[in-house]
C-alpha atoms as a PDB file:
ATOM      1  CA  MET A   1      16.369  12.711 -22.117  1.00  0.00           C
ATOM      2  CA  ALA A   2      14.977   9.873 -19.990  1.00  0.00           C
ATOM      3  CA  GLN A   3      16.236   6.356 -20.592  1.00  0.00           C
ATOM      4  CA  VAL A   4      13.690   4.223 -22.462  1.00  0.00           C
ATOM      5  CA  GLU A   5      13.563   0.466 -22.863  1.00  0.00           C
ATOM      6  CA  LEU A   6      13.580  -0.806 -26.446  1.00  0.00           C
ATOM      7  CA  ASP A   7      12.499  -4.175 -27.794  1.00  0.00           C
ATOM      8  CA  GLU A   8      14.517  -6.239 -30.281  1.00  0.00           C
ATOM      9  CA  ASN A   9      13.215  -4.104 -33.179  1.00  0.00           C
ATOM     10  CA  GLY A  10      14.264  -0.852 -31.550  1.00  0.00           C
ATOM     11  CA  ILE A  11      10.686   0.092 -30.633  1.00  0.00           C
ATOM     12  CA  GLU A  12      10.049   1.785 -27.295  1.00  0.00           C
ATOM     13  CA  ILE A  13       8.398  -0.424 -24.691  1.00  0.00           C
ATOM     14  CA  PRO A  14       5.800   1.629 -22.768  1.00  0.00           C
ATOM     15  CA  SER A  15       6.755   2.006 -19.114  1.00  0.00           C
ATOM     16  CA  GLU A  16       3.158   2.070 -17.937  1.00  0.00           C
ATOM     17  CA  ILE A  17      -0.266   1.114 -19.208  1.00  0.00           C
ATOM     18  CA  ILE A  18      -2.253   4.167 -20.220  1.00  0.00           C
ATOM     19  CA  GLU A  19      -5.967   4.650 -20.577  1.00  0.00           C
ATOM     20  CA  CYS A  20      -7.699   3.299 -23.657  1.00  0.00           C
ATOM     21  CA  GLY A  21      -6.892   5.399 -26.647  1.00  0.00           C
ATOM     22  CA  GLU A  22      -4.064   6.153 -28.974  1.00  0.00           C
ATOM     23  CA  TYR A  23      -0.438   5.766 -27.979  1.00  0.00           C
ATOM     24  CA  THR A  24       2.557   6.775 -30.070  1.00  0.00           C
ATOM     25  CA  ILE A  25       5.787   4.827 -30.055  1.00  0.00           C
ATOM     26  CA  ILE A  26       9.029   5.797 -31.768  1.00  0.00           C
ATOM     27  CA  ARG A  27      11.405   3.392 -33.474  1.00  0.00           C
ATOM     28  CA  TYR A  28      14.699   4.969 -32.552  1.00  0.00           C
ATOM     29  CA  ALA A  29      16.649   3.139 -35.254  1.00  0.00           C
ATOM     30  CA  ASP A  30      15.070   5.328 -37.933  1.00  0.00           C
ATOM     31  CA  GLY A  31      12.955   7.824 -35.965  1.00  0.00           C
ATOM     32  CA  ARG A  32       9.633   6.605 -37.374  1.00  0.00           C
ATOM     33  CA  GLU A  33       6.533   7.065 -35.239  1.00  0.00           C
ATOM     34  CA  TYR A  34       3.824   4.439 -34.975  1.00  0.00           C
ATOM     35  CA  LYS A  35       0.349   5.059 -33.560  1.00  0.00           C
ATOM     36  CA  LEU A  36      -1.151   2.234 -31.527  1.00  0.00           C
ATOM     37  CA  ARG A  37      -4.889   2.830 -31.672  1.00  0.00           C
ATOM     38  CA  GLY A  38      -6.827   1.178 -28.875  1.00  0.00           C
ATOM     39  CA  TYR A  39      -3.698   0.531 -26.793  1.00  0.00           C
ATOM     40  CA  GLY A  40      -4.684  -0.418 -23.244  1.00  0.00           C
ATOM     41  CA  CYS A  41      -8.387  -0.853 -24.015  1.00  0.00           C
ATOM     42  CA  MET A  42      -8.546  -4.454 -22.832  1.00  0.00           C
ATOM     43  CA  LYS A  43      -6.219  -4.188 -19.850  1.00  0.00           C
ATOM     44  CA  ASP A  44      -9.029  -4.985 -17.398  1.00  0.00           C
ATOM     45  CA  THR A  45     -10.596  -7.710 -19.560  1.00  0.00           C
ATOM     46  CA  PRO A  46      -9.397 -11.299 -19.226  1.00  0.00           C
ATOM     47  CA  LEU A  47      -8.435 -12.903 -22.522  1.00  0.00           C
ATOM     48  CA  ASP A  48     -10.180 -16.264 -22.381  1.00  0.00           C
ATOM     49  CA  LEU A  49      -8.582 -18.430 -25.067  1.00  0.00           C
ATOM     50  CA  ASP A  50      -9.390 -22.068 -25.728  1.00  0.00           C
ATOM     51  CA  PRO A  51      -6.196 -23.905 -24.768  1.00  0.00           C
ATOM     52  CA  ARG A  52      -6.673 -26.175 -27.792  1.00  0.00           C
ATOM     53  CA  ILE A  53      -6.030 -23.249 -30.171  1.00  0.00           C
ATOM     54  CA  ASP A  54      -2.430 -22.877 -31.365  1.00  0.00           C
ATOM     55  CA  LEU A  55      -1.886 -19.163 -32.028  1.00  0.00           C
ATOM     56  CA  THR A  56       1.006 -19.907 -34.386  1.00  0.00           C
ATOM     57  CA  LYS A  57      -1.381 -21.605 -36.853  1.00  0.00           C
ATOM     58  CA  PRO A  58      -4.447 -20.283 -38.729  1.00  0.00           C
ATOM     59  CA  ILE A  59      -7.041 -19.680 -36.032  1.00  0.00           C
ATOM     60  CA  TYR A  60     -10.235 -19.835 -38.115  1.00  0.00           C
ATOM     61  CA  GLU A  61      -9.502 -23.320 -39.460  1.00  0.00           C
ATOM     62  CA  GLN A  62      -8.696 -24.600 -35.972  1.00  0.00           C
ATOM     63  CA  ALA A  63     -11.827 -23.022 -34.518  1.00  0.00           C
ATOM     64  CA  MET A  64     -14.051 -24.566 -37.201  1.00  0.00           C
ATOM     65  CA  LYS A  65     -12.491 -28.010 -36.654  1.00  0.00           C
ATOM     66  CA  LEU A  66     -12.941 -27.731 -32.877  1.00  0.00           C
ATOM     67  CA  TRP A  67     -16.515 -26.500 -33.311  1.00  0.00           C
ATOM     68  CA  ALA A  68     -17.311 -29.552 -35.466  1.00  0.00           C
ATOM     69  CA  GLN A  69     -15.664 -31.881 -32.920  1.00  0.00           C
ATOM     70  CA  ASP A  70     -17.620 -30.282 -30.067  1.00  0.00           C
ATOM     71  CA  ALA A  71     -20.880 -30.540 -32.027  1.00  0.00           C
ATOM     72  CA  GLU A  72     -20.243 -34.244 -32.734  1.00  0.00           C
ATOM     73  CA  ALA A  73     -19.445 -34.909 -29.071  1.00  0.00           C
ATOM     74  CA  GLU A  74     -22.648 -33.135 -28.031  1.00  0.00           C
ATOM     75  CA  GLU A  75     -24.679 -35.223 -30.504  1.00  0.00           C
ATOM     76  CA  ARG A  76     -23.122 -38.439 -29.144  1.00  0.00           C
ATOM     77  CA  ARG A  77     -23.823 -37.304 -25.587  1.00  0.00           C
ATOM     78  CA  GLN A  78     -27.473 -36.562 -26.394  1.00  0.00           C
ATOM     79  CA  ALA A  79     -27.868 -39.849 -28.298  1.00  0.00           C
ATOM     80  CA  GLY A  80     -26.409 -41.741 -25.329  1.00  0.00           C
ATOM     81  CA  SER A  81     -28.792 -40.105 -22.869  1.00  0.00           C
ATOM     82  CA  LYS A  82     -31.816 -40.958 -25.073  1.00  0.00           C
ATOM     83  CA  ALA A  83     -30.755 -44.600 -25.298  1.00  0.00           C
ATOM     84  CA  ALA A  84     -30.588 -44.981 -21.524  1.00  0.00           C
END
């Protein structure tokens, strides 16, 4: 059997990116299989995240707060250009 690399949970780390689809991993600690649907589908797509978003906190609330801040800044910018 070929040597496989396992993560800290005992789950196999894929040795190569496969085409978009379904990939099965095995947790060797208990032999359970897990299906990763869509694995590799975004490998050629850049993940453009707003650097102001903290992924360890609730994303929706942060996004709504940032959206409101951006909308206020845009209103101030437009008001300033009308005054000039």
